[in-house]
Amino acid sequence: MARRVAICAAAQIRNEADIWYQRFQGMLLECFESLVDQTGLTFDMDTGVRSVVTCSDDVLDARTISDNGMTDVVGAHYRGEEKMAQDGLNGLGYAMASIMSGHDDLVLLMGHCKESQSESRHMCTNLAFDPFFTRPLGLDYLNACGLQARAYLARSGLTEDHLSEVVVRARRQAAQNPFARKTSRVTAQEVSASPLVSDPLRALHYYPATDWAVGMLLCCEDRVHEFTDKPVWLTGFGSCMDSFYLGERDLAFSVALQQASRRAFKMAGGIDTGDIDLFELNDAAAHQMALWAESIGLVRAGDGAHWLETGGPDRHQVNRSGGMLNGNPLMLGGLARALEAFQQLRGEAGDRQVDGPQRALAHGTTGPAGQHHAVLIMEN
C-alpha cells in the first residue's frame, strides 16, 4: 500500500507588483530559510532532503535552463532536482508520487516567478502557441481568456455586472490576507469603467502582473512527527490536458478540469464536492471562478450566473485568499491555492479563517484558456 504524504511546513514572501530590489535567488532564500527555521530540516544524504522539486520558467526568467540558477539556493547541489515548468500544483503531485512510491521520505518544493521583469508577459505567453498557425495571429493567454469569456457568457448568462462583483469580492477577500498582492478596494462601477483589454474582459477582470516565491516541505507519514505536529495530508491528486488548439475545445466548459477532479476525488476515497469544506480555484480572469466551479461539479453546468447571484462563493468558501484574480504570478497560482488551503486546514488563516474545515480542494491550471488542469485534495 502506498505511503501517506503530508505537507509539514510552508513559507512564502508577499506577492508584489515588482520586486525590482531582489533577484529571484534572494526571494527563494527567504522561503528556504523560513522552512529550515520551522522544521530543522537538514540535507544529510541519509536522513535529510535528497530530492528537490523546483518551479520556474525559462522565458519568464529570461534564461535557458532556469532551474540551474537556483540549485545552490534550494539545497539541490549534488542531489536530485526536478523542474516543473507547468503550474506549480503539478510539482506537489510529483513530490507526492515520489514519497508514495518509497523513492523519497522528504521532498522540498520551491517555486518562483517574476512577471514584472519581462517587457510584456503577453509576449511571453504568445510563445505557448503553435509557431506556424496561431502564434503569428498574436494569440496569448489574455486574448485566449477573452475568447473563453465570450463563449462562457453566451452559454451561462453571466453579465458584466457578474464579472464586476467577482472582482469586488476578490479584492475584499485579499484585504484580509497579509501575503496578498497589495490592491485597492474597488466598486463594481470602477471595475466596469476600466478599459477593455480583450472583449468582453476589462483590465480589472484579469489578474495583475505579480512577483512571488514559495516553498513547502513534504514528508512521509512515518517521519512527520520529526517536523510538525500539525500535518496537512495530501489524499488525492488528478491532472488532465485538453486539446492544444482552441478551436478543438469547448471553451465554455472544461472537460480537462472535470476529469482531473474526478481522478482526485477517486484517489481521495470516492468523495465528491459535497465532502469539501473549502475550495481554492485558480481564477486568472473573473469569469473563471464560475466556469471552474461548474467544471469540478460544484455547480450544475449552466448555473454559474445563478450561483454567483445567490452568494455561492461565500456559501461554498471559495477563494478566501482573494484568488489569483487579485494577483499571483503565472505558474504559481496553483501553489498559492494549496498554500491557502494548508493555512486554513491548520487554523492559521487569521481574519479570513473558515470555521473548522476538514477537507479542502486546491486547483491549478496553465496554458491558454485553461488547457491543463490539476486538482489536489488536502485534509487535516
Protein backbone atom coordinates (compact mmCIF):
# COMPACT_ATOMS: atom_id res chain seq x y z
CA MET A 1 0.00 0.00 0.00
CA ALA A 2 1.31 3.48 -0.91
CA ARG A 3 2.53 5.65 1.93
CA ARG A 4 0.57 8.68 3.14
CA VAL A 5 2.07 12.08 2.39
CA ALA A 6 1.77 15.36 4.29
CA ILE A 7 2.85 18.96 3.93
CA CYS A 8 4.76 19.71 7.13
CA ALA A 9 5.61 23.37 6.58
CA ALA A 10 5.17 26.18 4.08
CA ALA A 11 6.79 29.57 3.57
CA GLN A 12 6.19 32.50 1.26
CA ILE A 13 7.08 36.10 0.62
CA ARG A 14 4.43 38.70 -0.11
CA ASN A 15 3.01 38.89 -3.62
CA GLU A 16 4.20 42.19 -5.10
CA ALA A 17 3.80 44.09 -8.33
CA ASP A 18 7.54 44.46 -8.91
CA ILE A 19 10.27 43.00 -6.71
CA TRP A 20 12.90 45.09 -8.51
CA TYR A 21 15.12 45.21 -5.45
CA GLN A 22 15.81 41.46 -5.24
CA ARG A 23 16.90 38.70 -7.61
CA PHE A 24 14.82 35.54 -7.64
CA GLN A 25 17.54 33.72 -5.70
CA GLY A 26 17.02 36.12 -2.82
CA MET A 27 13.25 35.65 -2.98
CA LEU A 28 13.72 31.89 -2.74
CA LEU A 29 16.29 32.16 0.03
CA GLU A 30 13.77 33.87 2.30
CA CYS A 31 11.39 30.94 1.89
CA PHE A 32 14.15 28.37 2.23
CA GLU A 33 15.49 29.83 5.48
CA SER A 34 11.98 30.01 6.91
CA LEU A 35 11.41 26.31 6.21
CA VAL A 36 14.72 25.42 7.88
CA ASP A 37 13.79 27.52 10.91
CA GLN A 38 10.32 25.95 11.14
CA THR A 39 11.38 22.33 10.81
CA GLY A 40 15.10 21.97 11.43
CA LEU A 41 15.42 20.08 8.15
CA THR A 42 18.91 19.08 7.02
CA PHE A 43 20.47 17.93 3.78
CA ASP A 44 22.16 14.86 5.16
CA MET A 45 22.05 12.21 2.43
CA ASP A 46 20.78 9.53 4.81
CA THR A 47 18.03 11.30 6.77
CA GLY A 48 17.68 14.74 5.19
CA VAL A 49 16.34 16.14 1.93
CA ARG A 50 17.74 14.30 -1.08
CA SER A 51 15.21 15.46 -3.70
CA VAL A 52 14.06 18.96 -4.59
CA VAL A 53 11.29 19.97 -6.99
CA THR A 54 11.54 23.50 -8.37
CA CYS A 55 9.07 25.55 -10.37
CA SER A 56 10.40 28.11 -12.86
CA ASP A 57 10.17 29.13 -16.50
CA ASP A 58 12.96 29.85 -18.96
CA VAL A 59 11.07 32.61 -20.78
CA LEU A 60 9.90 34.49 -17.70
CA ASP A 61 13.38 34.13 -16.15
CA ALA A 62 14.96 35.29 -19.45
CA ARG A 63 17.49 32.45 -19.29
CA THR A 64 17.80 28.89 -20.55
CA ILE A 65 17.73 26.07 -18.01
CA SER A 66 16.20 28.45 -15.48
CA ASP A 67 16.42 25.97 -12.62
CA ASN A 68 20.22 25.99 -12.87
CA GLY A 69 20.27 29.44 -11.30
CA MET A 70 18.60 28.28 -8.12
CA THR A 71 20.25 24.89 -7.49
CA ASP A 72 22.53 26.01 -4.66
CA VAL A 73 19.93 28.31 -3.08
CA VAL A 74 17.44 25.48 -2.57
CA GLY A 75 19.98 22.92 -1.39
CA ALA A 76 19.93 20.83 -4.56
CA HIS A 77 23.70 20.76 -5.09
CA TYR A 78 24.83 17.17 -5.76
CA ARG A 79 21.36 15.72 -5.30
CA GLY A 80 18.14 15.16 -7.21
CA GLU A 81 16.39 18.21 -8.63
CA GLU A 82 13.37 18.15 -10.94
CA LYS A 83 11.98 21.22 -12.67
CA MET A 84 8.24 21.87 -13.05
CA ALA A 85 7.54 24.34 -15.85
CA GLN A 86 3.75 23.97 -15.79
CA ASP A 87 1.53 25.17 -12.96
CA GLY A 88 3.30 24.52 -9.67
CA LEU A 89 0.50 22.35 -8.32
CA ASN A 90 1.89 19.66 -10.60
CA GLY A 91 5.10 19.92 -8.59
CA LEU A 92 3.14 18.96 -5.48
CA GLY A 93 1.71 16.00 -7.38
CA TYR A 94 5.21 14.97 -8.47
CA ALA A 95 6.59 15.26 -4.93
CA MET A 96 3.60 13.35 -3.60
CA ALA A 97 4.24 10.49 -6.03
CA SER A 98 7.94 10.39 -5.14
CA ILE A 99 7.11 9.83 -1.48
CA MET A 100 4.19 7.47 -2.02
CA SER A 101 6.38 5.25 -4.19
CA GLY A 102 9.01 4.94 -1.47
CA HIS A 103 11.64 6.74 -3.54
CA ASP A 104 11.90 9.58 -1.02
CA ASP A 105 10.96 10.30 2.58
CA LEU A 106 11.25 14.07 2.21
CA VAL A 107 10.84 16.37 -0.78
CA LEU A 108 11.42 20.10 -0.79
CA LEU A 109 9.29 22.09 -3.25
CA MET A 110 10.38 25.62 -4.20
CA GLY A 111 8.88 27.95 -6.79
CA HIS A 112 9.33 31.50 -8.03
CA CYS A 113 8.16 33.78 -10.81
CA LYS A 114 8.86 37.43 -11.65
CA GLU A 115 6.32 38.56 -14.24
CA SER A 116 7.50 42.15 -13.79
CA GLN A 117 10.90 41.68 -15.43
CA SER A 118 9.61 41.00 -18.96
CA GLU A 119 8.55 43.87 -21.18
CA SER A 120 5.23 42.12 -21.69
CA ARG A 121 4.02 38.92 -20.07
CA HIS A 122 1.64 38.63 -23.02
CA MET A 123 4.59 38.43 -25.43
CA CYS A 124 5.86 35.60 -23.24
CA THR A 125 2.59 33.64 -23.33
CA ASN A 126 2.34 34.11 -27.09
CA LEU A 127 5.22 31.59 -27.27
CA ALA A 128 2.91 28.86 -25.93
CA PHE A 129 1.05 28.79 -29.24
CA ASP A 130 1.78 26.93 -32.45
CA PRO A 131 4.56 28.82 -34.30
CA PHE A 132 3.09 28.37 -37.79
CA PHE A 133 -0.65 28.91 -37.47
CA THR A 134 -1.67 30.61 -34.21
CA ARG A 135 1.39 32.43 -32.86
CA PRO A 136 1.53 34.79 -35.88
CA LEU A 137 -2.09 35.79 -35.13
CA GLY A 138 -0.91 37.33 -31.86
CA LEU A 139 -2.71 34.91 -29.60
CA ASP A 140 -1.67 34.98 -25.95
CA TYR A 141 -3.20 33.93 -22.63
CA LEU A 142 -5.12 37.20 -22.27
CA ASN A 143 -6.94 37.14 -25.60
CA ALA A 144 -7.49 33.39 -25.27
CA CYS A 145 -9.22 34.23 -21.98
CA GLY A 146 -11.29 36.80 -23.86
CA LEU A 147 -12.45 34.15 -26.34
CA GLN A 148 -13.29 31.84 -23.45
CA ALA A 149 -15.16 34.57 -21.57
CA ARG A 150 -17.26 35.39 -24.63
CA ALA A 151 -18.19 31.72 -25.08
CA TYR A 152 -18.95 31.20 -21.39
CA LEU A 153 -21.01 34.37 -21.02
CA ALA A 154 -23.12 33.35 -24.00
CA ARG A 155 -23.82 29.91 -22.52
CA SER A 156 -24.20 30.76 -18.83
CA GLY A 157 -25.91 34.13 -18.89
CA LEU A 158 -23.13 35.83 -16.95
CA THR A 159 -23.07 39.59 -17.50
CA GLU A 160 -20.52 42.32 -16.97
CA ASP A 161 -22.23 43.04 -13.64
CA HIS A 162 -21.48 39.50 -12.51
CA LEU A 163 -17.82 39.88 -13.50
CA SER A 164 -17.54 43.16 -11.65
CA GLU A 165 -18.93 41.68 -8.44
CA VAL A 166 -16.43 38.80 -8.65
CA VAL A 167 -13.59 41.35 -8.78
CA VAL A 168 -15.03 43.36 -5.88
CA ARG A 169 -15.23 40.20 -3.76
CA ALA A 170 -11.68 39.11 -4.69
CA ARG A 171 -10.27 42.46 -3.57
CA ARG A 172 -12.30 42.32 -0.34
CA GLN A 173 -11.03 38.83 0.50
CA ALA A 174 -7.45 39.71 -0.37
CA ALA A 175 -7.55 42.64 2.06
CA GLN A 176 -7.63 40.05 4.86
CA ASN A 177 -4.58 38.19 3.50
CA PRO A 178 -1.27 39.72 4.65
CA PHE A 179 0.67 37.98 1.86
CA ALA A 180 -1.71 39.00 -0.94
CA ARG A 181 -0.66 41.47 -3.61
CA LYS A 182 -1.49 44.99 -2.48
CA THR A 183 -4.52 46.10 -4.44
CA SER A 184 -7.09 48.77 -3.71
CA ARG A 185 -10.71 48.08 -2.86
CA VAL A 186 -12.90 48.79 -5.88
CA THR A 187 -16.58 49.27 -6.60
CA ALA A 188 -18.48 47.45 -9.30
CA GLN A 189 -18.77 50.74 -11.16
CA GLU A 190 -14.99 51.21 -11.12
CA VAL A 191 -14.47 47.71 -12.49
CA SER A 192 -16.97 48.31 -15.29
CA ALA A 193 -15.25 51.58 -16.14
CA SER A 194 -11.81 50.02 -16.54
CA PRO A 195 -10.65 49.76 -20.16
CA LEU A 196 -11.39 46.79 -22.37
CA VAL A 197 -8.32 44.61 -22.86
CA SER A 198 -9.81 41.60 -24.66
CA ASP A 199 -13.53 41.89 -25.24
CA PRO A 200 -15.51 41.21 -23.05
CA LEU A 201 -12.73 41.36 -20.45
CA ARG A 202 -11.74 44.67 -18.91
CA ALA A 203 -8.43 45.44 -17.25
CA LEU A 204 -9.72 44.69 -13.75
CA HIS A 205 -11.30 41.42 -14.91
CA TYR A 206 -7.81 39.95 -15.41
CA TYR A 207 -5.14 39.25 -12.82
CA PRO A 208 -2.34 41.85 -12.47
CA ALA A 209 1.32 41.10 -13.19
CA THR A 210 2.87 39.79 -9.97
CA ASP A 211 6.15 38.55 -8.46
CA TRP A 212 6.24 35.87 -5.76
CA ALA A 213 8.16 32.93 -4.26
CA VAL A 214 7.00 29.98 -2.16
CA GLY A 215 8.35 26.81 -0.55
CA MET A 216 6.89 23.67 1.05
CA LEU A 217 8.30 20.60 2.80
CA LEU A 218 6.57 17.28 2.13
CA CYS A 219 7.15 14.16 4.23
CA CYS A 220 6.08 10.54 4.54
CA GLU A 221 3.77 9.58 7.41
CA ASP A 222 6.45 7.68 9.34
CA ARG A 223 8.57 10.80 9.78
CA VAL A 224 6.01 13.58 10.03
CA HIS A 225 6.50 13.81 13.81
CA GLU A 226 10.09 14.96 13.23
CA PHE A 227 8.94 18.16 11.58
CA THR A 228 5.44 19.14 12.76
CA ASP A 229 2.53 18.24 14.99
CA LYS A 230 0.05 19.79 12.54
CA PRO A 231 0.46 17.92 9.24
CA VAL A 232 -1.87 18.50 6.32
CA TRP A 233 -2.39 15.28 4.37
CA LEU A 234 -2.46 15.05 0.58
CA THR A 235 -5.10 12.44 -0.14
CA GLY A 236 -5.99 12.88 -3.80
CA PHE A 237 -4.43 14.25 -6.96
CA GLY A 238 -5.54 14.33 -10.57
CA SER A 239 -4.45 16.10 -13.73
CA CYS A 240 -5.62 16.25 -17.33
CA MET A 241 -4.60 18.03 -20.53
CA ASP A 242 -7.14 19.38 -23.02
CA SER A 243 -6.63 19.73 -26.79
CA PHE A 244 -3.89 22.09 -27.90
CA TYR A 245 -5.84 24.14 -30.45
CA LEU A 246 -8.56 26.40 -29.08
CA GLY A 247 -10.84 25.51 -31.98
CA GLU A 248 -10.87 21.86 -30.90
CA ARG A 249 -12.10 22.65 -27.37
CA ASP A 250 -15.37 23.62 -25.71
CA LEU A 251 -14.21 26.87 -24.16
CA ALA A 252 -17.42 27.25 -22.12
CA PHE A 253 -16.80 24.06 -20.11
CA SER A 254 -13.53 22.37 -19.13
CA VAL A 255 -13.55 18.63 -19.73
CA ALA A 256 -9.91 18.52 -18.59
CA LEU A 257 -10.81 20.01 -15.20
CA GLN A 258 -13.80 17.70 -14.91
CA GLN A 259 -11.55 14.68 -15.48
CA ALA A 260 -8.78 15.93 -13.18
CA SER A 261 -11.35 16.45 -10.41
CA ARG A 262 -12.85 13.01 -10.84
CA ARG A 263 -9.41 11.39 -10.60
CA ALA A 264 -8.56 13.36 -7.46
CA PHE A 265 -11.93 12.53 -5.85
CA LYS A 266 -11.48 8.84 -6.62
CA MET A 267 -7.98 8.76 -5.16
CA ALA A 268 -9.21 10.53 -2.02
CA GLY A 269 -11.65 7.71 -1.30
CA GLY A 270 -14.53 8.30 -3.68
CA ILE A 271 -15.55 11.69 -2.32
CA ASP A 272 -17.33 14.48 -4.22
CA THR A 273 -17.71 18.25 -3.93
CA GLY A 274 -20.21 17.81 -1.09
CA ASP A 275 -17.38 16.48 1.07
CA ILE A 276 -15.19 19.57 0.56
CA ASP A 277 -15.25 22.40 3.10
CA LEU A 278 -13.06 24.87 1.23
CA PHE A 279 -12.31 25.48 -2.46
CA GLU A 280 -9.37 27.40 -3.89
CA LEU A 281 -9.90 27.79 -7.64
CA ASN A 282 -7.25 29.29 -9.90
CA ASP A 283 -9.19 32.19 -11.42
CA ALA A 284 -6.88 34.24 -13.64
CA ALA A 285 -9.95 36.02 -15.03
CA ALA A 286 -13.25 36.97 -13.41
CA HIS A 287 -15.45 34.60 -15.42
CA GLN A 288 -13.31 31.60 -14.48
CA MET A 289 -14.48 31.32 -10.88
CA ALA A 290 -17.94 30.24 -12.03
CA LEU A 291 -16.62 28.30 -15.04
CA TRP A 292 -14.20 26.25 -12.93
CA ALA A 293 -16.90 25.72 -10.26
CA GLU A 294 -19.14 24.20 -12.95
CA SER A 295 -16.33 22.06 -14.33
CA ILE A 296 -15.43 20.45 -10.97
CA GLY A 297 -19.11 19.72 -10.32
CA LEU A 298 -19.62 22.25 -7.53
CA VAL A 299 -22.24 23.99 -9.67
CA ARG A 300 -24.51 22.42 -12.25
CA ALA A 301 -23.37 23.24 -15.79
CA GLY A 302 -25.05 26.44 -16.93
CA ASP A 303 -25.93 27.63 -13.42
CA GLY A 304 -22.85 29.79 -12.86
CA ALA A 305 -24.74 33.08 -13.01
CA HIS A 306 -27.37 31.94 -10.53
CA TRP A 307 -24.64 30.60 -8.23
CA LEU A 308 -22.92 33.98 -8.15
CA GLU A 309 -26.19 35.86 -7.64
CA THR A 310 -27.15 33.71 -4.65
CA GLY A 311 -23.84 34.02 -2.80
CA GLY A 312 -22.41 30.68 -3.92
CA PRO A 313 -18.73 31.65 -3.49
CA ASP A 314 -19.28 32.61 0.16
CA ARG A 315 -21.57 29.68 0.84
CA HIS A 316 -19.05 27.18 -0.52
CA GLN A 317 -15.99 29.00 0.90
CA VAL A 318 -14.38 29.67 -2.46
CA ASN A 319 -11.13 31.67 -2.75
CA ARG A 320 -10.96 33.12 0.73
CA SER A 321 -7.39 34.10 -0.16
CA GLY A 322 -8.52 36.56 -2.82
CA GLY A 323 -7.67 34.09 -5.57
CA MET A 324 -5.30 34.51 -8.48
CA LEU A 325 -7.56 37.31 -9.72
CA ASN A 326 -6.11 39.56 -7.02
CA GLY A 327 -2.57 38.70 -8.09
CA ASN A 328 -0.43 35.57 -8.15
CA PRO A 329 2.15 35.04 -10.89
CA LEU A 330 1.75 32.64 -13.77
CA MET A 331 2.85 29.09 -12.88
CA LEU A 332 2.46 29.64 -9.13
CA GLY A 333 -1.32 30.13 -9.00
CA GLY A 334 -1.94 26.52 -8.02
CA LEU A 335 0.72 26.64 -5.30
CA ALA A 336 -0.94 29.78 -3.91
CA ARG A 337 -4.23 27.86 -3.78
CA ALA A 338 -2.57 24.94 -1.96
CA LEU A 339 -0.83 27.28 0.47
CA GLU A 340 -4.13 28.92 1.39
CA ALA A 341 -5.73 25.51 1.90
CA PHE A 342 -2.76 24.49 4.07
CA GLN A 343 -3.17 27.54 6.30
CA GLN A 344 -6.94 27.13 6.53
CA LEU A 345 -6.74 23.46 7.48
CA ARG A 346 -4.22 24.28 10.20
CA GLY A 347 -6.39 27.11 11.52
CA GLU A 348 -3.71 29.69 10.67
CA ALA A 349 -5.55 31.90 8.17
CA GLY A 350 -6.11 34.84 10.51
CA ASP A 351 -9.02 37.16 9.76
CA ARG A 352 -10.13 35.09 6.78
CA GLN A 353 -10.18 31.78 8.69
CA VAL A 354 -13.06 29.44 7.85
CA ASP A 355 -14.72 27.70 10.79
CA GLY A 356 -13.29 24.21 11.29
CA PRO A 357 -12.54 22.98 7.75
CA GLN A 358 -11.59 19.30 7.49
CA ARG A 359 -11.01 18.91 3.76
CA ALA A 360 -10.02 21.37 1.02
CA LEU A 361 -9.60 21.37 -2.76
CA ALA A 362 -6.75 23.26 -4.42
CA HIS A 363 -6.78 23.80 -8.19
CA GLY A 364 -4.07 24.84 -10.61
CA THR A 365 -4.19 25.47 -14.33
CA THR A 366 -1.85 26.52 -17.09
CA GLY A 367 -1.97 27.05 -20.82
CA PRO A 368 -4.33 29.20 -22.90
CA ALA A 369 -7.90 29.29 -21.54
CA GLY A 370 -7.05 26.55 -19.06
CA GLN A 371 -5.54 23.89 -21.33
CA HIS A 372 -4.10 21.84 -18.47
CA HIS A 373 -5.65 21.35 -15.02
CA ALA A 374 -4.52 19.79 -11.76
CA VAL A 375 -6.60 19.18 -8.63
CA LEU A 376 -5.29 18.37 -5.14
CA ILE A 377 -7.36 17.17 -2.17
CA MET A 378 -5.98 18.12 1.24
CA GLU A 379 -7.13 17.05 4.73
CA ASN A 380 -6.16 17.93 8.29
